[in-house]
Amino acid sequence: MPEERLHLSPRTIATHLHQPFPKLGITTRAALRDALAGPRPPAPSVIDVPEPWRNGKEITMSTEPGARNVVLVHGGFVDGSGWQAVHDLLTQDGYRVAVVQNPTVSLEDDAAVTRRVIDGLDGPVVLVGHSYGGAVITEAGLDDKVAALVYIAAFAPDKGESVNTLLAGFPADAPQPPILPPADGFLFLDRDKFHASFAGDLPAGQAAFMADSQVPWGVDALGGTITEAAWRIKPSWYLVTADDRMIPPAAQRAMSERTSSTVTEVPGSHSIYVSQPAAVATLIRQAASAVAG
């Protein structure tokens, strides 16, 4: 902690300008200058983080505000409009929020689209991905501007892995995503099972609209492999959704443990970013405030 300094009134300074101040504990003009300068801010320090983070994943704290830019990346079958409530909560707090409209045709293209959005922002970025968006931020998160990664019920593949790799490892006794056979290289969810699997905590009408407005998810996007995993060198946070029927909670917990993420778990469906935007925004704020701005 910095040494506490004494603040002097103008009257005291005028009275004693040319003599030492033994009664005030100031005996040199250098000490006077220090006193007039006021308290010095503490030097930046490093959080005492869990051991898995110490190899290249240290978080440097600053006396300045944390990262003020947030980039939101949606997953498969949906578009960026689902982030609206999260966007509004964060912008009300003064964050600059950009929503990526990734085409979900290929992982390589989606990562490139995300990087272009990051490039358009000034300063450090908290990069947030939901579902398949987790694979996108894992690939795009190596960008120098990215200060933190936030996974929202998301895939977090390692180098050489794809979403398909992780899907194949889901527990056999867990609910399986009702993905229909590919048509012309694209995937959809079974409309009749969309509410129960993807949006169980949303009103039926809202879930029906999401089912009817699905964005085709390219087969190549699921098969795209990670070149380098950003979570191996960037600090990460993970929101586990305990009632998820798209990515089993057990799989989410395993991925969050492997990435050494700071974990929050809440009851909710795969559409947690729509049904509980406050929980999502809270985790993003935690990540933003933890990293130096």
Protein backbone atom coordinates (compact mmCIF):
# COMPACT_ATOMS: atom_id res chain seq x y z
CA MET A 1 0.00 0.00 0.00
CA PRO A 2 1.29 3.54 -0.72
CA GLU A 3 2.41 5.67 2.23
CA GLU A 4 -0.33 8.03 3.43
CA ARG A 5 0.48 11.67 2.61
CA LEU A 6 -0.61 14.77 4.51
CA HIS A 7 -2.67 17.39 2.64
CA LEU A 8 -1.81 21.01 3.58
CA SER A 9 -4.17 23.98 3.48
CA PRO A 10 -3.16 27.13 1.54
CA ARG A 11 -2.91 29.00 4.87
CA THR A 12 -0.44 26.47 6.28
CA ILE A 13 1.66 26.60 3.13
CA ALA A 14 1.75 30.43 3.13
CA THR A 15 2.70 30.57 6.84
CA HIS A 16 5.47 27.98 6.76
CA LEU A 17 6.77 28.14 3.19
CA HIS A 18 10.34 29.01 4.14
CA GLN A 19 10.85 26.91 7.28
CA PRO A 20 10.75 23.24 8.21
CA PHE A 21 7.49 21.78 9.56
CA PRO A 22 8.44 19.58 12.52
CA LYS A 23 4.98 19.87 14.07
CA LEU A 24 3.46 18.50 10.86
CA GLY A 25 6.04 15.78 10.48
CA ILE A 26 7.65 17.52 7.47
CA THR A 27 11.30 18.45 7.83
CA THR A 28 12.48 18.91 4.23
CA ARG A 29 11.27 20.70 1.14
CA ALA A 30 11.26 17.32 -0.67
CA ALA A 31 8.82 16.04 1.92
CA LEU A 32 6.72 19.14 1.37
CA ARG A 33 6.58 18.48 -2.36
CA ASP A 34 5.49 14.92 -1.64
CA ALA A 35 2.80 16.15 0.74
CA LEU A 36 1.48 18.68 -1.78
CA ALA A 37 1.41 16.03 -4.50
CA GLY A 38 -1.09 13.98 -2.51
CA PRO A 39 -1.37 10.19 -2.39
CA ARG A 40 0.29 8.26 -5.16
CA PRO A 41 -1.82 5.64 -6.95
CA PRO A 42 -0.78 2.05 -6.27
CA ALA A 43 1.33 0.37 -8.90
CA PRO A 44 -0.40 -2.23 -11.10
CA SER A 45 -0.33 -5.67 -9.58
CA VAL A 46 -1.15 -9.20 -10.60
CA ILE A 47 -4.14 -11.09 -9.22
CA ASP A 48 -3.31 -14.16 -7.22
CA VAL A 49 -5.00 -16.48 -9.70
CA PRO A 50 -5.39 -20.27 -9.63
CA GLU A 51 -2.30 -22.24 -10.55
CA PRO A 52 -3.54 -23.32 -14.03
CA TRP A 53 -3.56 -19.64 -15.07
CA ARG A 54 0.01 -18.92 -14.08
CA ASN A 55 1.43 -20.25 -17.32
CA GLY A 56 0.72 -17.32 -19.61
CA LYS A 57 -2.76 -16.54 -18.27
CA GLU A 58 -2.02 -13.98 -15.56
CA ILE A 59 -4.49 -11.11 -15.25
CA THR A 60 -2.91 -7.71 -14.75
CA MET A 61 -4.99 -5.41 -12.59
CA SER A 62 -4.96 -1.68 -13.12
CA THR A 63 -6.14 1.36 -11.20
CA GLU A 64 -7.82 2.42 -14.46
CA PRO A 65 -11.28 1.09 -15.46
CA GLY A 66 -11.29 -2.38 -17.02
CA ALA A 67 -11.94 -3.21 -20.66
CA ARG A 68 -14.86 -1.15 -21.95
CA ASN A 69 -15.40 -2.91 -25.30
CA VAL A 70 -17.54 -6.04 -25.55
CA VAL A 71 -18.00 -8.16 -28.68
CA LEU A 72 -20.88 -10.66 -28.70
CA VAL A 73 -20.77 -13.71 -31.00
CA HIS A 74 -23.90 -15.80 -31.54
CA GLY A 75 -24.05 -19.54 -32.09
CA GLY A 76 -25.66 -21.85 -34.61
CA PHE A 77 -29.32 -21.72 -35.75
CA VAL A 78 -29.74 -18.10 -34.53
CA ASP A 79 -28.49 -14.61 -35.36
CA GLY A 80 -27.14 -11.70 -33.36
CA SER A 81 -30.53 -10.17 -32.53
CA GLY A 82 -30.88 -12.54 -29.58
CA TRP A 83 -28.22 -10.54 -27.79
CA GLN A 84 -30.38 -7.40 -27.62
CA ALA A 85 -31.22 -7.54 -23.91
CA VAL A 86 -27.57 -8.24 -22.97
CA HIS A 87 -26.49 -5.44 -25.31
CA ASP A 88 -28.90 -2.99 -23.69
CA LEU A 89 -27.82 -3.83 -20.14
CA LEU A 90 -24.14 -3.35 -20.96
CA THR A 91 -24.55 -0.16 -23.00
CA GLN A 92 -26.54 1.33 -20.11
CA ASP A 93 -23.41 0.79 -18.02
CA GLY A 94 -21.26 2.63 -20.55
CA TYR A 95 -19.75 -0.31 -22.40
CA ARG A 96 -19.22 -0.14 -26.14
CA VAL A 97 -20.95 -3.29 -27.40
CA ALA A 98 -20.67 -4.75 -30.90
CA VAL A 99 -22.70 -7.73 -32.08
CA VAL A 100 -21.15 -9.99 -34.72
CA GLN A 101 -23.46 -11.31 -37.42
CA ASN A 102 -21.35 -14.33 -38.27
CA PRO A 103 -22.73 -16.27 -41.27
CA THR A 104 -22.07 -19.69 -39.60
CA VAL A 105 -21.00 -21.18 -42.93
CA SER A 106 -17.43 -22.00 -41.89
CA LEU A 107 -15.38 -21.52 -38.74
CA GLU A 108 -12.61 -19.81 -40.69
CA ASP A 109 -15.00 -17.25 -42.16
CA ASP A 110 -16.78 -16.65 -38.86
CA ALA A 111 -13.46 -16.02 -37.11
CA ALA A 112 -12.49 -13.57 -39.85
CA VAL A 113 -15.81 -11.71 -39.52
CA THR A 114 -15.28 -11.51 -35.76
CA ARG A 115 -11.74 -10.17 -36.17
CA ARG A 116 -13.03 -7.40 -38.43
CA VAL A 117 -15.42 -6.30 -35.71
CA ILE A 118 -12.62 -6.37 -33.12
CA ASP A 119 -10.39 -4.33 -35.43
CA GLY A 120 -13.03 -1.61 -35.55
CA LEU A 121 -12.88 -1.01 -31.79
CA ASP A 122 -10.42 1.15 -29.91
CA GLY A 123 -8.91 -0.53 -26.87
CA PRO A 124 -9.10 -3.91 -25.10
CA VAL A 125 -12.04 -6.20 -25.87
CA VAL A 126 -13.98 -8.77 -23.89
CA LEU A 127 -14.93 -11.42 -26.46
CA VAL A 128 -18.12 -13.34 -25.68
CA GLY A 129 -19.44 -16.45 -27.44
CA HIS A 130 -22.61 -18.48 -27.05
CA SER A 131 -22.78 -22.14 -28.09
CA TYR A 132 -20.92 -22.50 -31.43
CA GLY A 133 -19.80 -18.92 -30.86
CA GLY A 134 -17.44 -20.39 -28.26
CA ALA A 135 -15.50 -22.10 -31.04
CA VAL A 136 -15.41 -18.80 -32.93
CA ILE A 137 -13.99 -16.83 -29.99
CA THR A 138 -11.50 -19.62 -29.29
CA GLU A 139 -10.13 -19.13 -32.81
CA ALA A 140 -10.51 -15.34 -33.09
CA GLY A 141 -9.50 -14.61 -29.49
CA LEU A 142 -5.79 -14.65 -30.24
CA ASP A 143 -6.18 -11.10 -31.53
CA ASP A 144 -3.95 -8.75 -29.52
CA LYS A 145 -6.94 -6.57 -28.55
CA VAL A 146 -8.76 -9.44 -26.84
CA ALA A 147 -8.21 -9.17 -23.08
CA ALA A 148 -10.69 -11.81 -21.91
CA LEU A 149 -12.92 -14.60 -23.21
CA VAL A 150 -16.42 -15.32 -21.92
CA TYR A 151 -18.12 -18.60 -22.79
CA ILE A 152 -21.92 -18.69 -22.45
CA ALA A 153 -23.07 -22.34 -22.53
CA ALA A 154 -20.50 -22.66 -25.25
CA PHE A 155 -18.16 -25.04 -27.00
CA ALA A 156 -14.52 -24.52 -26.01
CA PRO A 157 -12.44 -26.71 -28.33
CA ASP A 158 -8.68 -27.11 -28.09
CA LYS A 159 -6.13 -26.95 -30.91
CA GLY A 160 -7.02 -29.47 -33.60
CA GLU A 161 -10.54 -29.99 -32.26
CA SER A 162 -13.87 -28.99 -33.79
CA VAL A 163 -17.46 -28.74 -32.63
CA ASN A 164 -17.95 -32.19 -34.13
CA THR A 165 -15.13 -33.48 -31.94
CA LEU A 166 -16.88 -32.21 -28.83
CA LEU A 167 -20.32 -33.41 -29.94
CA ALA A 168 -18.93 -36.91 -30.32
CA GLY A 169 -17.79 -36.81 -26.71
CA PHE A 170 -21.17 -35.93 -25.21
CA PRO A 171 -22.38 -38.38 -22.56
CA ALA A 172 -24.44 -41.11 -24.22
CA ASP A 173 -27.18 -40.86 -21.59
CA ALA A 174 -27.52 -37.06 -21.93
CA PRO A 175 -30.18 -35.36 -24.07
CA GLN A 176 -28.96 -35.14 -27.65
CA PRO A 177 -29.50 -32.02 -29.81
CA PRO A 178 -32.35 -32.70 -32.29
CA ILE A 179 -30.27 -31.81 -35.34
CA LEU A 180 -31.87 -32.91 -38.60
CA PRO A 181 -29.84 -34.60 -41.37
CA PRO A 182 -27.96 -32.03 -43.49
CA ALA A 183 -29.67 -30.53 -46.53
CA ASP A 184 -27.43 -28.98 -49.19
CA GLY A 185 -24.60 -28.71 -46.66
CA PHE A 186 -26.63 -27.00 -43.93
CA LEU A 187 -28.23 -28.08 -40.66
CA PHE A 188 -31.46 -27.20 -38.87
CA LEU A 189 -33.02 -28.22 -35.57
CA ASP A 190 -36.24 -30.18 -35.58
CA ARG A 191 -38.87 -27.45 -35.31
CA ASP A 192 -41.16 -29.54 -33.10
CA LYS A 193 -38.35 -30.15 -30.60
CA PHE A 194 -36.85 -26.65 -30.68
CA HIS A 195 -38.69 -25.33 -27.61
CA ALA A 196 -37.77 -28.24 -25.34
CA SER A 197 -34.18 -28.53 -26.51
CA PHE A 198 -33.02 -24.99 -27.23
CA ALA A 199 -35.33 -22.63 -25.37
CA GLY A 200 -37.05 -24.49 -22.55
CA ASP A 201 -37.32 -21.42 -20.28
CA LEU A 202 -38.78 -19.10 -22.92
CA PRO A 203 -42.49 -18.62 -23.67
CA ALA A 204 -43.83 -21.04 -26.26
CA GLY A 205 -44.59 -18.30 -28.74
CA GLN A 206 -41.10 -16.85 -28.57
CA ALA A 207 -39.54 -20.29 -28.95
CA ALA A 208 -41.79 -21.00 -31.93
CA PHE A 209 -40.62 -17.82 -33.62
CA MET A 210 -36.98 -18.76 -33.02
CA ALA A 211 -37.67 -22.19 -34.50
CA ASP A 212 -39.31 -20.67 -37.58
CA SER A 213 -36.51 -18.13 -38.07
CA GLN A 214 -33.58 -20.54 -37.77
CA VAL A 215 -30.36 -19.58 -39.54
CA PRO A 216 -28.91 -22.52 -41.52
CA TRP A 217 -25.76 -23.81 -39.83
CA GLY A 218 -23.09 -24.91 -42.28
CA VAL A 219 -21.71 -28.42 -41.93
CA ASP A 220 -18.25 -26.97 -42.59
CA ALA A 221 -18.62 -24.74 -39.51
CA LEU A 222 -19.06 -27.76 -37.26
CA GLY A 223 -16.07 -29.46 -38.84
CA GLY A 224 -13.74 -26.45 -38.70
CA THR A 225 -10.75 -27.14 -36.46
CA ILE A 226 -9.02 -24.73 -34.10
CA THR A 227 -5.54 -23.63 -35.19
CA GLU A 228 -4.57 -22.28 -31.75
CA ALA A 229 -6.84 -22.11 -28.70
CA ALA A 230 -7.03 -18.58 -27.32
CA TRP A 231 -8.11 -19.83 -23.88
CA ARG A 232 -4.65 -21.30 -23.38
CA ILE A 233 -3.16 -17.80 -23.18
CA LYS A 234 -6.12 -15.53 -22.36
CA PRO A 235 -8.13 -15.49 -19.10
CA SER A 236 -11.61 -16.91 -19.49
CA TRP A 237 -15.00 -17.02 -17.78
CA TYR A 238 -17.71 -19.63 -18.31
CA LEU A 239 -21.47 -19.60 -17.64
CA VAL A 240 -22.79 -23.15 -17.20
CA THR A 241 -26.51 -23.62 -17.81
CA ALA A 242 -27.74 -26.39 -15.53
CA ASP A 243 -30.91 -27.21 -17.51
CA ASP A 244 -29.30 -27.18 -20.96
CA ARG A 245 -30.55 -29.81 -23.42
CA MET A 246 -28.26 -28.81 -26.30
CA ILE A 247 -24.84 -28.94 -24.63
CA PRO A 248 -25.10 -31.21 -21.57
CA PRO A 249 -24.18 -29.44 -18.32
CA ALA A 250 -21.61 -32.18 -17.62
CA ALA A 251 -19.88 -31.37 -20.91
CA GLN A 252 -19.97 -27.65 -20.11
CA ARG A 253 -18.39 -28.27 -16.72
CA ALA A 254 -15.68 -30.39 -18.29
CA MET A 255 -14.87 -27.69 -20.85
CA SER A 256 -14.88 -24.94 -18.23
CA GLU A 257 -12.51 -27.00 -16.07
CA ARG A 258 -10.16 -27.69 -18.96
CA THR A 259 -10.01 -24.00 -19.85
CA SER A 260 -9.36 -23.04 -16.19
CA SER A 261 -12.25 -20.60 -16.48
CA THR A 262 -13.87 -18.68 -13.69
CA VAL A 263 -17.21 -20.47 -13.56
CA THR A 264 -20.73 -19.37 -12.74
CA GLU A 265 -23.58 -21.89 -12.91
CA VAL A 266 -27.23 -20.94 -13.17
CA PRO A 267 -30.46 -22.86 -13.78
CA GLY A 268 -31.60 -22.21 -17.32
CA SER A 269 -31.83 -23.42 -20.89
CA HIS A 270 -29.44 -23.10 -23.81
CA SER A 271 -31.12 -19.76 -24.57
CA ILE A 272 -29.86 -18.28 -21.30
CA TYR A 273 -28.65 -15.12 -23.06
CA VAL A 274 -32.31 -14.45 -23.99
CA SER A 275 -34.07 -15.75 -20.88
CA GLN A 276 -31.62 -14.39 -18.27
CA PRO A 277 -29.70 -11.52 -19.83
CA ALA A 278 -28.85 -10.06 -16.41
CA ALA A 279 -26.92 -13.20 -15.42
CA VAL A 280 -24.99 -13.08 -18.68
CA ALA A 281 -24.27 -9.35 -18.40
CA THR A 282 -23.06 -9.79 -14.81
CA LEU A 283 -20.46 -12.35 -15.85
CA ILE A 284 -19.30 -10.15 -18.72
CA ARG A 285 -18.89 -7.23 -16.33
CA GLN A 286 -16.82 -9.41 -14.01
CA ALA A 287 -14.49 -10.30 -16.86
CA ALA A 288 -14.26 -6.70 -18.04
CA SER A 289 -13.42 -5.35 -14.59
CA ALA A 290 -10.83 -8.05 -13.91
CA VAL A 291 -8.60 -7.22 -16.86
CA ALA A 292 -6.60 -4.04 -17.35
CA GLY A 293 -8.19 -1.41 -19.56
